């Protein structure tokens, strides 16, 4: 039997990866030391119905200067909207595609949510979701249902909600965007992936 990643379905094993590690709180809400700001991934899976994996990087101008600041403004509304109810609670987890650990640490200090540490687990998630570290494929936002990990999509609600989120960011308030979670794909967004890619290419 082959054990290669190519033989596994896309997204396979993400719950095991997250559940076996400690996640790092972002700089906005973090404590004084890394050790004090660690959160059990298993606890996050228990406490949250939904996990949003945000694959991004500091080196990408659009991701750094436009999308991430908007996502940060939306985040407190998302947490307030979903409340502390495990049946609807949601958490964002940043998965870095930065060039090195220093860039990762610098970028996560701007973020209020959790992040996967700069270690093997980060690489495993990137491989599991087959994320490409190229400008036209980033950022990528994967929406996951923690209660539905064994279905044919491995609990994935959206393989990439970024086009839909970006479309709504351009016309809706941060509060409205939070209320629209999990950002079901609209007819307009269904055809905008190429346009979004072209836009990101143009800013390189």
N, C-alpha and C. Protein backbone atom coordinates (compact mmCIF):
# COMPACT_ATOMS: atom_id res chain seq x y z
N UNK A 1 0.85 -1.20 0.00
CA UNK A 1 0.00 0.00 0.00
C UNK A 1 0.88 1.24 0.00
N UNK A 2 0.55 2.19 -0.87
CA UNK A 2 1.35 3.40 -0.96
C UNK A 2 1.07 4.31 0.22
N UNK A 3 2.12 4.94 0.76
CA UNK A 3 1.96 5.86 1.88
C UNK A 3 2.21 7.30 1.44
N UNK A 4 2.33 7.52 0.14
CA UNK A 4 2.63 8.85 -0.36
C UNK A 4 1.44 9.77 -0.16
N UNK A 5 1.72 11.08 -0.01
CA UNK A 5 0.65 12.05 0.17
C UNK A 5 -0.28 12.08 -1.03
N UNK A 6 0.26 11.79 -2.22
CA UNK A 6 -0.55 11.85 -3.43
C UNK A 6 -1.67 10.82 -3.41
N UNK A 7 -1.50 9.72 -2.64
CA UNK A 7 -2.51 8.67 -2.59
C UNK A 7 -3.64 9.01 -1.63
N UNK A 8 -3.49 10.07 -0.83
CA UNK A 8 -4.49 10.47 0.14
C UNK A 8 -5.39 11.55 -0.43
N UNK A 9 -6.64 11.56 0.03
CA UNK A 9 -7.57 12.59 -0.45
C UNK A 9 -7.16 13.95 0.10
N UNK A 10 -7.51 14.98 -0.64
CA UNK A 10 -7.16 16.33 -0.25
C UNK A 10 -7.77 16.68 1.10
N UNK A 11 -6.95 17.21 2.00
CA UNK A 11 -7.42 17.57 3.33
C UNK A 11 -7.37 16.45 4.34
N UNK A 12 -6.96 15.26 3.92
CA UNK A 12 -6.94 14.10 4.81
C UNK A 12 -6.05 14.34 6.04
N UNK A 13 -6.59 14.03 7.21
CA UNK A 13 -5.79 14.06 8.43
C UNK A 13 -5.65 15.40 9.12
N UNK A 14 -6.37 16.44 8.67
CA UNK A 14 -6.17 17.77 9.25
C UNK A 14 -6.55 17.81 10.74
N UNK A 15 -7.59 17.05 11.13
CA UNK A 15 -8.00 17.05 12.54
C UNK A 15 -6.92 16.43 13.42
N UNK A 16 -6.31 15.39 12.94
CA UNK A 16 -5.23 14.75 13.71
C UNK A 16 -4.04 15.69 13.87
N UNK A 17 -3.74 16.44 12.79
CA UNK A 17 -2.61 17.37 12.84
C UNK A 17 -2.87 18.47 13.87
N UNK A 18 -4.03 19.13 13.76
CA UNK A 18 -4.35 20.22 14.66
C UNK A 18 -4.54 19.72 16.10
N UNK A 19 -5.17 18.56 16.23
CA UNK A 19 -5.44 18.03 17.56
C UNK A 19 -4.21 17.59 18.32
N UNK A 20 -3.09 17.41 17.63
CA UNK A 20 -1.89 16.91 18.28
C UNK A 20 -0.86 18.00 18.60
N UNK A 21 -1.19 19.25 18.30
CA UNK A 21 -0.22 20.33 18.49
C UNK A 21 -0.75 21.42 19.41
N UNK A 22 0.12 22.34 19.78
CA UNK A 22 -0.28 23.56 20.47
C UNK A 22 -0.27 24.69 19.45
N UNK A 23 -1.32 25.50 19.48
CA UNK A 23 -1.44 26.64 18.60
C UNK A 23 -0.99 27.90 19.32
N UNK A 24 -0.49 28.86 18.56
CA UNK A 24 0.05 30.10 19.12
C UNK A 24 -0.97 31.23 18.97
N UNK A 25 -1.23 31.92 20.07
CA UNK A 25 -2.09 33.11 19.97
C UNK A 25 -1.35 34.22 19.25
N UNK A 26 -2.10 34.99 18.47
CA UNK A 26 -1.50 36.10 17.74
C UNK A 26 -1.06 37.21 18.66
N UNK A 27 -0.26 38.12 18.12
CA UNK A 27 0.33 39.19 18.92
C UNK A 27 -0.66 40.12 19.56
N UNK A 28 -1.80 40.35 18.89
CA UNK A 28 -2.76 41.30 19.42
C UNK A 28 -3.35 40.86 20.76
N UNK A 29 -3.51 39.53 20.93
CA UNK A 29 -4.09 39.01 22.16
C UNK A 29 -3.11 38.16 22.94
N UNK A 30 -1.87 38.08 22.47
CA UNK A 30 -0.89 37.18 23.05
C UNK A 30 -0.40 37.62 24.42
N UNK A 31 0.27 36.71 25.11
CA UNK A 31 0.84 36.99 26.41
C UNK A 31 2.31 37.35 26.26
N UNK A 32 3.03 37.39 27.39
CA UNK A 32 4.40 37.89 27.36
C UNK A 32 5.39 36.94 26.69
N UNK A 33 5.16 35.64 26.84
CA UNK A 33 6.07 34.68 26.24
C UNK A 33 5.32 33.72 25.34
N UNK A 34 6.05 33.06 24.45
CA UNK A 34 5.42 32.10 23.55
C UNK A 34 4.74 30.98 24.34
N UNK A 35 5.43 30.50 25.37
CA UNK A 35 4.91 29.39 26.15
C UNK A 35 3.57 29.74 26.80
N UNK A 36 3.44 30.96 27.29
CA UNK A 36 2.21 31.39 27.94
C UNK A 36 1.07 31.59 26.96
N UNK A 37 1.38 31.78 25.70
CA UNK A 37 0.33 32.06 24.72
C UNK A 37 -0.06 30.83 23.91
N UNK A 38 0.43 29.65 24.30
CA UNK A 38 0.09 28.42 23.58
C UNK A 38 -1.30 27.93 23.99
N UNK A 39 -2.02 27.40 23.01
CA UNK A 39 -3.37 26.88 23.22
C UNK A 39 -3.42 25.47 22.64
N UNK A 40 -4.02 24.56 23.37
CA UNK A 40 -4.13 23.18 22.90
C UNK A 40 -5.01 23.10 21.65
N UNK A 41 -4.46 22.50 20.60
CA UNK A 41 -5.25 22.30 19.39
C UNK A 41 -6.45 21.40 19.64
N UNK A 42 -6.28 20.40 20.49
CA UNK A 42 -7.39 19.50 20.82
C UNK A 42 -8.52 20.27 21.50
N UNK A 43 -8.16 21.24 22.35
CA UNK A 43 -9.18 22.05 23.02
C UNK A 43 -9.93 22.92 22.03
N UNK A 44 -9.21 23.47 21.07
CA UNK A 44 -9.85 24.29 20.03
C UNK A 44 -10.84 23.46 19.24
N UNK A 45 -10.49 22.22 18.91
CA UNK A 45 -11.40 21.35 18.17
C UNK A 45 -12.65 21.04 18.99
N UNK A 46 -12.49 20.90 20.30
CA UNK A 46 -13.65 20.63 21.16
C UNK A 46 -14.56 21.84 21.30
N UNK A 47 -13.95 23.01 21.36
CA UNK A 47 -14.69 24.23 21.67
C UNK A 47 -15.27 24.93 20.44
N UNK A 48 -14.80 24.56 19.26
CA UNK A 48 -15.22 25.25 18.04
C UNK A 48 -15.85 24.28 17.04
N UNK A 49 -17.00 24.65 16.54
CA UNK A 49 -17.65 23.85 15.48
C UNK A 49 -16.89 24.02 14.17
N UNK A 50 -16.40 25.25 13.93
CA UNK A 50 -15.75 25.55 12.65
C UNK A 50 -14.31 26.05 12.86
N UNK A 51 -13.45 25.63 11.97
CA UNK A 51 -12.08 26.12 11.91
C UNK A 51 -11.87 26.73 10.53
N UNK A 52 -11.32 27.93 10.50
CA UNK A 52 -10.98 28.59 9.24
C UNK A 52 -9.46 28.62 9.13
N UNK A 53 -8.92 27.85 8.20
CA UNK A 53 -7.47 27.86 7.97
C UNK A 53 -7.14 28.96 6.98
N UNK A 54 -6.34 29.91 7.42
CA UNK A 54 -5.93 31.05 6.59
C UNK A 54 -4.49 30.82 6.17
N UNK A 55 -4.31 30.38 4.93
CA UNK A 55 -2.98 30.18 4.37
C UNK A 55 -2.54 31.49 3.73
N UNK A 56 -1.49 32.09 4.27
CA UNK A 56 -1.05 33.38 3.75
C UNK A 56 0.42 33.62 4.04
N UNK A 57 0.87 34.84 3.76
CA UNK A 57 2.29 35.17 3.95
C UNK A 57 2.49 36.68 3.92
N UNK A 58 3.56 37.09 4.56
CA UNK A 58 3.90 38.51 4.62
C UNK A 58 4.44 39.01 3.29
N UNK A 59 5.12 38.15 2.54
CA UNK A 59 5.79 38.61 1.32
C UNK A 59 4.81 39.00 0.21
N UNK A 60 3.56 38.56 0.32
CA UNK A 60 2.55 38.84 -0.70
C UNK A 60 1.90 40.20 -0.41
N UNK A 61 2.10 41.21 -1.25
CA UNK A 61 1.59 42.56 -0.95
C UNK A 61 0.09 42.61 -0.68
N UNK A 62 -0.69 41.91 -1.49
CA UNK A 62 -2.14 41.94 -1.31
C UNK A 62 -2.54 41.29 0.01
N UNK A 63 -1.93 40.16 0.31
CA UNK A 63 -2.23 39.46 1.55
C UNK A 63 -1.85 40.31 2.76
N UNK A 64 -0.70 40.94 2.71
CA UNK A 64 -0.19 41.72 3.84
C UNK A 64 -0.93 43.04 4.02
N UNK A 65 -1.15 43.76 2.93
CA UNK A 65 -1.60 45.15 3.04
C UNK A 65 -3.10 45.35 2.89
N UNK A 66 -3.79 44.39 2.27
CA UNK A 66 -5.22 44.57 2.04
C UNK A 66 -6.07 43.50 2.71
N UNK A 67 -5.86 42.24 2.35
CA UNK A 67 -6.75 41.20 2.87
C UNK A 67 -6.62 41.01 4.38
N UNK A 68 -5.40 40.87 4.88
CA UNK A 68 -5.23 40.60 6.31
C UNK A 68 -5.78 41.72 7.19
N UNK A 69 -5.50 43.00 6.90
CA UNK A 69 -6.10 44.06 7.73
C UNK A 69 -7.63 44.04 7.73
N UNK A 70 -8.23 43.73 6.58
CA UNK A 70 -9.69 43.65 6.53
C UNK A 70 -10.21 42.45 7.33
N UNK A 71 -9.51 41.34 7.22
CA UNK A 71 -9.88 40.13 7.96
C UNK A 71 -9.77 40.38 9.46
N UNK A 72 -8.74 41.13 9.87
CA UNK A 72 -8.56 41.47 11.28
C UNK A 72 -9.73 42.32 11.79
N UNK A 73 -10.17 43.28 10.98
CA UNK A 73 -11.29 44.13 11.39
C UNK A 73 -12.59 43.33 11.51
N UNK A 74 -12.73 42.31 10.67
CA UNK A 74 -13.93 41.48 10.71
C UNK A 74 -13.94 40.51 11.89
N UNK A 75 -12.76 40.11 12.36
CA UNK A 75 -12.62 39.03 13.33
C UNK A 75 -13.43 39.23 14.62
N UNK A 76 -13.35 40.38 15.30
CA UNK A 76 -14.14 40.52 16.54
C UNK A 76 -15.64 40.42 16.30
N UNK A 77 -16.09 40.85 15.14
CA UNK A 77 -17.51 40.71 14.80
C UNK A 77 -17.87 39.23 14.61
N UNK A 78 -16.95 38.48 14.00
CA UNK A 78 -17.17 37.05 13.80
C UNK A 78 -17.27 36.32 15.14
N UNK A 79 -16.37 36.65 16.07
CA UNK A 79 -16.39 36.01 17.39
C UNK A 79 -17.65 36.42 18.16
N UNK A 80 -18.04 37.67 18.05
CA UNK A 80 -19.24 38.13 18.74
C UNK A 80 -20.48 37.49 18.15
N UNK A 81 -20.53 37.35 16.85
CA UNK A 81 -21.68 36.78 16.16
C UNK A 81 -21.86 35.31 16.48
N UNK A 82 -20.75 34.58 16.54
CA UNK A 82 -20.83 33.13 16.75
C UNK A 82 -20.87 32.77 18.24
N UNK A 83 -20.46 33.69 19.11
CA UNK A 83 -20.54 33.47 20.55
C UNK A 83 -19.64 32.35 21.04
N UNK A 84 -19.88 31.89 22.26
CA UNK A 84 -19.08 30.83 22.85
C UNK A 84 -19.74 29.47 22.74
N UNK A 85 -20.78 29.34 21.95
CA UNK A 85 -21.50 28.09 21.79
C UNK A 85 -20.70 27.13 20.91
N UNK A 86 -20.28 25.97 21.43
CA UNK A 86 -19.49 25.03 20.63
C UNK A 86 -20.20 24.57 19.36
N UNK A 87 -21.54 24.72 19.32
CA UNK A 87 -22.28 24.29 18.14
C UNK A 87 -22.15 25.27 16.98
N UNK A 88 -21.71 26.49 17.27
CA UNK A 88 -21.58 27.46 16.18
C UNK A 88 -20.29 28.28 16.26
N UNK A 89 -19.50 28.07 17.30
CA UNK A 89 -18.28 28.83 17.50
C UNK A 89 -17.29 28.59 16.36
N UNK A 90 -16.49 29.61 16.06
CA UNK A 90 -15.53 29.52 14.95
C UNK A 90 -14.21 30.13 15.39
N UNK A 91 -13.13 29.57 14.88
CA UNK A 91 -11.81 30.14 15.14
C UNK A 91 -11.00 30.14 13.84
N UNK A 92 -10.26 31.23 13.66
CA UNK A 92 -9.35 31.35 12.52
C UNK A 92 -7.97 30.89 12.95
N UNK A 93 -7.32 30.10 12.11
CA UNK A 93 -5.97 29.61 12.39
C UNK A 93 -5.09 29.93 11.19
N UNK A 94 -4.06 30.71 11.42
CA UNK A 94 -3.14 31.10 10.36
C UNK A 94 -2.11 30.00 10.12
N UNK A 95 -1.93 29.65 8.84
CA UNK A 95 -0.91 28.69 8.43
C UNK A 95 0.05 29.43 7.51
N UNK A 96 1.28 29.58 7.95
CA UNK A 96 2.23 30.45 7.26
C UNK A 96 2.89 29.83 6.04
N UNK A 97 2.97 30.63 4.99
CA UNK A 97 3.80 30.31 3.83
C UNK A 97 4.88 31.39 3.68
N UNK A 98 5.26 31.96 4.81
CA UNK A 98 6.29 32.99 4.81
C UNK A 98 7.64 32.40 4.41
N UNK A 99 8.57 33.27 4.08
CA UNK A 99 9.87 32.81 3.58
C UNK A 99 10.75 32.23 4.67
N UNK A 100 10.58 32.69 5.91
CA UNK A 100 11.39 32.17 7.01
C UNK A 100 10.66 32.43 8.32
N UNK A 101 11.21 31.90 9.41
CA UNK A 101 10.54 31.99 10.70
C UNK A 101 10.46 33.44 11.20
N UNK A 102 11.46 34.25 10.89
CA UNK A 102 11.41 35.65 11.32
C UNK A 102 10.25 36.38 10.68
N UNK A 103 10.01 36.13 9.38
CA UNK A 103 8.89 36.76 8.69
C UNK A 103 7.57 36.27 9.28
N UNK A 104 7.51 34.98 9.59
CA UNK A 104 6.32 34.41 10.22
C UNK A 104 6.02 35.10 11.55
N UNK A 105 7.03 35.21 12.39
CA UNK A 105 6.84 35.82 13.71
C UNK A 105 6.44 37.29 13.60
N UNK A 106 7.01 37.97 12.63
CA UNK A 106 6.69 39.38 12.43
C UNK A 106 5.23 39.54 11.99
N UNK A 107 4.78 38.67 11.10
CA UNK A 107 3.42 38.78 10.56
C UNK A 107 2.37 38.38 11.60
N UNK A 108 2.61 37.30 12.36
CA UNK A 108 1.59 36.86 13.31
C UNK A 108 1.42 37.85 14.46
N UNK A 109 2.40 38.70 14.69
CA UNK A 109 2.24 39.71 15.75
C UNK A 109 1.14 40.71 15.42
N UNK A 110 0.74 40.78 14.15
CA UNK A 110 -0.33 41.68 13.75
C UNK A 110 -1.71 41.03 13.86
N UNK A 111 -1.76 39.72 14.15
CA UNK A 111 -3.01 38.95 14.05
C UNK A 111 -3.62 38.65 15.41
N UNK A 112 -4.94 38.74 15.55
CA UNK A 112 -5.60 38.45 16.82
C UNK A 112 -5.97 36.98 17.02
N UNK A 113 -5.91 36.17 15.96
CA UNK A 113 -6.35 34.78 16.03
C UNK A 113 -5.18 33.84 16.34
N UNK A 114 -5.40 32.56 16.15
CA UNK A 114 -4.38 31.55 16.42
C UNK A 114 -3.52 31.31 15.18
N UNK A 115 -2.36 30.71 15.40
CA UNK A 115 -1.51 30.33 14.27
C UNK A 115 -0.84 29.00 14.56
N UNK A 116 -0.53 28.27 13.50
CA UNK A 116 0.22 27.02 13.61
C UNK A 116 1.69 27.38 13.74
N UNK A 117 2.38 26.85 14.73
CA UNK A 117 3.80 27.19 14.91
C UNK A 117 4.64 26.84 13.68
N UNK A 118 5.81 27.43 13.63
CA UNK A 118 6.75 27.21 12.51
C UNK A 118 7.44 25.86 12.74
N UNK A 119 6.74 24.78 12.40
CA UNK A 119 7.31 23.46 12.59
C UNK A 119 6.70 22.49 11.59
N UNK A 120 6.87 21.20 11.85
CA UNK A 120 6.43 20.18 10.90
C UNK A 120 4.93 20.19 10.66
N UNK A 121 4.15 20.53 11.69
CA UNK A 121 2.69 20.55 11.53
C UNK A 121 2.26 21.55 10.46
N UNK A 122 2.93 22.68 10.40
CA UNK A 122 2.63 23.68 9.38
C UNK A 122 2.84 23.07 7.98
N UNK A 123 3.95 22.40 7.80
CA UNK A 123 4.26 21.78 6.51
C UNK A 123 3.25 20.67 6.18
N UNK A 124 2.80 19.96 7.21
CA UNK A 124 1.83 18.89 6.99
C UNK A 124 0.49 19.43 6.51
N UNK A 125 0.05 20.56 7.09
CA UNK A 125 -1.22 21.16 6.66
C UNK A 125 -1.12 21.71 5.25
N UNK A 126 0.01 22.34 4.93
CA UNK A 126 0.21 22.85 3.58
C UNK A 126 0.15 21.70 2.57
N UNK A 127 0.78 20.58 2.92
CA UNK A 127 0.77 19.41 2.04
C UNK A 127 -0.61 18.78 1.97
N UNK A 128 -1.31 18.69 3.10
CA UNK A 128 -2.62 18.05 3.14
C UNK A 128 -3.62 18.76 2.24
N UNK A 129 -3.56 20.10 2.22
CA UNK A 129 -4.49 20.87 1.41
C UNK A 129 -3.88 21.28 0.06
N UNK A 130 -2.66 20.81 -0.19
CA UNK A 130 -1.99 21.03 -1.47
C UNK A 130 -1.95 22.51 -1.85
N UNK A 131 -1.61 23.33 -0.87
CA UNK A 131 -1.54 24.77 -1.08
C UNK A 131 -0.27 25.11 -1.83
N UNK A 132 -0.41 25.94 -2.86
CA UNK A 132 0.72 26.34 -3.68
C UNK A 132 1.24 27.70 -3.24
N UNK A 133 2.53 27.77 -2.98
CA UNK A 133 3.14 29.00 -2.49
C UNK A 133 3.53 29.90 -3.65
N UNK A 134 2.50 30.35 -4.37
CA UNK A 134 2.69 31.25 -5.50
C UNK A 134 1.67 32.38 -5.39
N UNK A 135 2.00 33.53 -5.91
CA UNK A 135 1.19 34.73 -5.71
C UNK A 135 -0.25 34.57 -6.18
N UNK A 136 -0.46 33.88 -7.29
CA UNK A 136 -1.81 33.78 -7.84
C UNK A 136 -2.69 32.79 -7.10
N UNK A 137 -2.12 32.05 -6.16
CA UNK A 137 -2.89 31.06 -5.40
C UNK A 137 -3.11 31.46 -3.95
N UNK A 138 -2.64 32.63 -3.57
CA UNK A 138 -2.74 33.08 -2.18
C UNK A 138 -3.46 34.42 -2.09
N UNK A 139 -4.09 34.70 -0.96
CA UNK A 139 -4.29 33.79 0.16
C UNK A 139 -5.30 32.70 -0.16
N UNK A 140 -5.29 31.64 0.63
CA UNK A 140 -6.28 30.57 0.52
C UNK A 140 -6.95 30.43 1.87
N UNK A 141 -8.27 30.38 1.87
CA UNK A 141 -9.05 30.31 3.10
C UNK A 141 -9.93 29.05 3.06
N UNK A 142 -9.60 28.09 3.90
CA UNK A 142 -10.32 26.81 3.94
C UNK A 142 -11.23 26.80 5.15
N UNK A 143 -12.53 26.54 4.94
CA UNK A 143 -13.50 26.49 6.04
C UNK A 143 -13.81 25.03 6.35
N UNK A 144 -13.62 24.66 7.62
CA UNK A 144 -13.73 23.27 8.05
C UNK A 144 -14.80 23.09 9.12
N UNK A 145 -15.48 21.96 9.06
CA UNK A 145 -16.46 21.58 10.08
C UNK A 145 -15.83 20.50 10.95
N UNK A 146 -15.61 20.80 12.23
CA UNK A 146 -14.92 19.85 13.10
C UNK A 146 -15.77 18.63 13.44
N UNK A 147 -17.08 18.71 13.20
CA UNK A 147 -17.96 17.59 13.53
C UNK A 147 -18.18 16.67 12.34
N UNK A 148 -17.57 17.00 11.20
CA UNK A 148 -17.87 16.27 9.97
C UNK A 148 -16.58 15.82 9.29
N UNK A 149 -15.64 15.30 10.07
CA UNK A 149 -14.31 15.00 9.53
C UNK A 149 -14.20 13.73 8.74
N UNK A 150 -15.25 12.92 8.69
CA UNK A 150 -15.13 11.64 8.01
C UNK A 150 -15.96 11.57 6.73
N UNK A 151 -16.52 12.69 6.30
CA UNK A 151 -17.28 12.64 5.06
C UNK A 151 -16.34 12.63 3.86
N UNK A 152 -16.89 12.60 2.67
CA UNK A 152 -16.06 12.46 1.48
C UNK A 152 -15.14 13.65 1.25
N UNK A 153 -15.47 14.80 1.85
CA UNK A 153 -14.63 15.99 1.72
C UNK A 153 -13.78 16.23 2.96
N UNK A 154 -13.67 15.26 3.83
CA UNK A 154 -12.87 15.38 5.06
C UNK A 154 -13.29 16.56 5.93
N UNK A 155 -14.58 16.84 5.95
CA UNK A 155 -15.08 17.93 6.78
C UNK A 155 -14.91 19.31 6.19
N UNK A 156 -14.52 19.39 4.92
CA UNK A 156 -14.28 20.69 4.29
C UNK A 156 -15.59 21.27 3.76
N UNK A 157 -15.91 22.48 4.20
CA UNK A 157 -17.08 23.20 3.68
C UNK A 157 -16.69 23.98 2.43
N UNK A 158 -15.55 24.68 2.49
CA UNK A 158 -15.03 25.41 1.33
C UNK A 158 -13.54 25.11 1.20
N UNK A 159 -13.11 24.70 0.02
CA UNK A 159 -11.69 24.50 -0.23
C UNK A 159 -10.97 25.83 -0.30
N UNK A 160 -11.66 26.85 -0.78
CA UNK A 160 -11.08 28.20 -0.79
C UNK A 160 -12.19 29.24 -0.83
N UNK A 161 -12.48 29.81 0.33
CA UNK A 161 -13.54 30.82 0.44
C UNK A 161 -13.03 32.22 0.12
N UNK A 162 -11.74 32.35 -0.21
CA UNK A 162 -11.18 33.69 -0.44
C UNK A 162 -11.92 34.50 -1.50
N UNK A 163 -12.20 33.94 -2.71
CA UNK A 163 -12.89 34.78 -3.71
C UNK A 163 -14.22 35.34 -3.21
N UNK A 164 -14.98 34.50 -2.48
CA UNK A 164 -16.26 34.95 -1.96
C UNK A 164 -16.07 36.02 -0.88
N UNK A 165 -15.12 35.80 0.01
CA UNK A 165 -14.85 36.77 1.09
C UNK A 165 -14.43 38.10 0.49
N UNK A 166 -13.52 38.05 -0.47
CA UNK A 166 -13.03 39.28 -1.08
C UNK A 166 -14.13 40.04 -1.80
N UNK A 167 -15.01 39.32 -2.48
CA UNK A 167 -16.15 39.94 -3.15
C UNK A 167 -17.04 40.67 -2.15
N UNK A 168 -17.29 40.04 -1.01
CA UNK A 168 -18.16 40.63 0.00
C UNK A 168 -17.46 41.75 0.76
N UNK A 169 -16.15 41.63 0.93
CA UNK A 169 -15.40 42.71 1.59
C UNK A 169 -15.51 44.01 0.81
N UNK A 170 -15.60 43.90 -0.50
CA UNK A 170 -15.64 45.08 -1.35
C UNK A 170 -16.96 45.83 -1.28
N UNK A 171 -18.02 45.16 -0.74
CA UNK A 171 -19.32 45.83 -0.74
C UNK A 171 -20.05 45.80 0.60
N UNK A 172 -19.57 44.98 1.55
CA UNK A 172 -20.25 44.85 2.83
C UNK A 172 -19.40 45.35 3.99
N UNK A 173 -20.05 45.66 5.07
CA UNK A 173 -19.34 46.07 6.28
C UNK A 173 -18.69 44.86 6.93
N UNK A 174 -17.76 45.11 7.86
CA UNK A 174 -17.11 44.02 8.58
C UNK A 174 -18.13 43.20 9.36
N UNK A 175 -19.09 43.87 9.96
CA UNK A 175 -20.12 43.19 10.74
C UNK A 175 -20.99 42.32 9.84
N UNK A 176 -21.34 42.85 8.68
CA UNK A 176 -22.16 42.09 7.73
C UNK A 176 -21.41 40.87 7.22
N UNK A 177 -20.12 41.03 6.95
CA UNK A 177 -19.30 39.91 6.48
C UNK A 177 -19.27 38.80 7.53
N UNK A 178 -19.15 39.17 8.78
CA UNK A 178 -19.13 38.18 9.86
C UNK A 178 -20.45 37.42 9.93
N UNK A 179 -21.56 38.12 9.75
CA UNK A 179 -22.88 37.49 9.81
C UNK A 179 -23.10 36.52 8.66
N UNK A 180 -22.36 36.68 7.56
CA UNK A 180 -22.55 35.83 6.39
C UNK A 180 -21.73 34.53 6.45
N UNK A 181 -20.95 34.34 7.50
CA UNK A 181 -20.20 33.09 7.65
C UNK A 181 -21.16 31.90 7.58
N UNK A 182 -20.79 30.81 6.88
CA UNK A 182 -19.48 30.43 6.33
C UNK A 182 -19.24 30.84 4.88
N UNK A 183 -19.83 31.95 4.47
CA UNK A 183 -19.51 32.54 3.17
C UNK A 183 -19.79 31.60 2.01
N UNK A 184 -21.05 31.19 1.94
CA UNK A 184 -21.46 30.33 0.84
C UNK A 184 -21.23 31.04 -0.48
N UNK A 185 -20.82 30.28 -1.46
CA UNK A 185 -20.41 30.87 -2.74
C UNK A 185 -21.60 31.42 -3.50
N UNK A 186 -21.50 32.70 -3.88
CA UNK A 186 -22.54 33.33 -4.68
C UNK A 186 -22.25 33.12 -6.16
N UNK A 187 -23.22 33.42 -7.01
CA UNK A 187 -23.02 33.27 -8.45
C UNK A 187 -21.90 34.18 -8.94
N UNK A 188 -21.81 35.37 -8.35
CA UNK A 188 -20.78 36.31 -8.78
C UNK A 188 -19.39 35.78 -8.45
N UNK A 189 -19.25 35.21 -7.24
CA UNK A 189 -17.93 34.73 -6.82
C UNK A 189 -17.51 33.48 -7.57
N UNK A 190 -18.50 32.70 -8.02
CA UNK A 190 -18.19 31.45 -8.70
C UNK A 190 -17.32 31.68 -9.92
N UNK A 191 -17.44 32.86 -10.54
CA UNK A 191 -16.65 33.11 -11.74
C UNK A 191 -15.54 34.11 -11.56
N UNK A 192 -15.23 34.46 -10.28
CA UNK A 192 -14.26 35.55 -10.09
C UNK A 192 -12.87 35.07 -9.70
N UNK A 193 -12.65 33.76 -9.61
CA UNK A 193 -11.34 33.28 -9.19
C UNK A 193 -10.25 33.75 -10.14
N UNK A 194 -10.50 33.67 -11.43
CA UNK A 194 -9.49 34.10 -12.40
C UNK A 194 -9.24 35.59 -12.28
N UNK A 195 -10.32 36.37 -12.11
CA UNK A 195 -10.15 37.81 -11.97
C UNK A 195 -9.33 38.13 -10.73
N UNK A 196 -9.62 37.42 -9.64
CA UNK A 196 -8.86 37.67 -8.41
C UNK A 196 -7.39 37.34 -8.61
N UNK A 197 -7.13 36.27 -9.34
CA UNK A 197 -5.75 35.88 -9.60
C UNK A 197 -5.05 36.93 -10.44
N UNK A 198 -5.73 37.44 -11.44
CA UNK A 198 -5.14 38.47 -12.29
C UNK A 198 -4.86 39.74 -11.50
N UNK A 199 -5.78 40.08 -10.58
CA UNK A 199 -5.58 41.27 -9.75
C UNK A 199 -4.33 41.10 -8.88
N UNK A 200 -4.17 39.92 -8.32
CA UNK A 200 -3.01 39.71 -7.46
C UNK A 200 -1.73 39.70 -8.27
N UNK A 201 -1.81 39.17 -9.50
CA UNK A 201 -0.62 39.21 -10.35
C UNK A 201 -0.21 40.64 -10.64
N UNK A 202 -1.18 41.51 -10.81
CA UNK A 202 -0.88 42.88 -11.22
C UNK A 202 -0.18 43.69 -10.14
N UNK A 203 -0.22 43.19 -8.90
CA UNK A 203 0.40 43.96 -7.83
C UNK A 203 1.80 43.49 -7.51
N UNK A 204 2.29 42.49 -8.25
CA UNK A 204 3.63 42.00 -7.97
C UNK A 204 4.69 43.02 -8.39
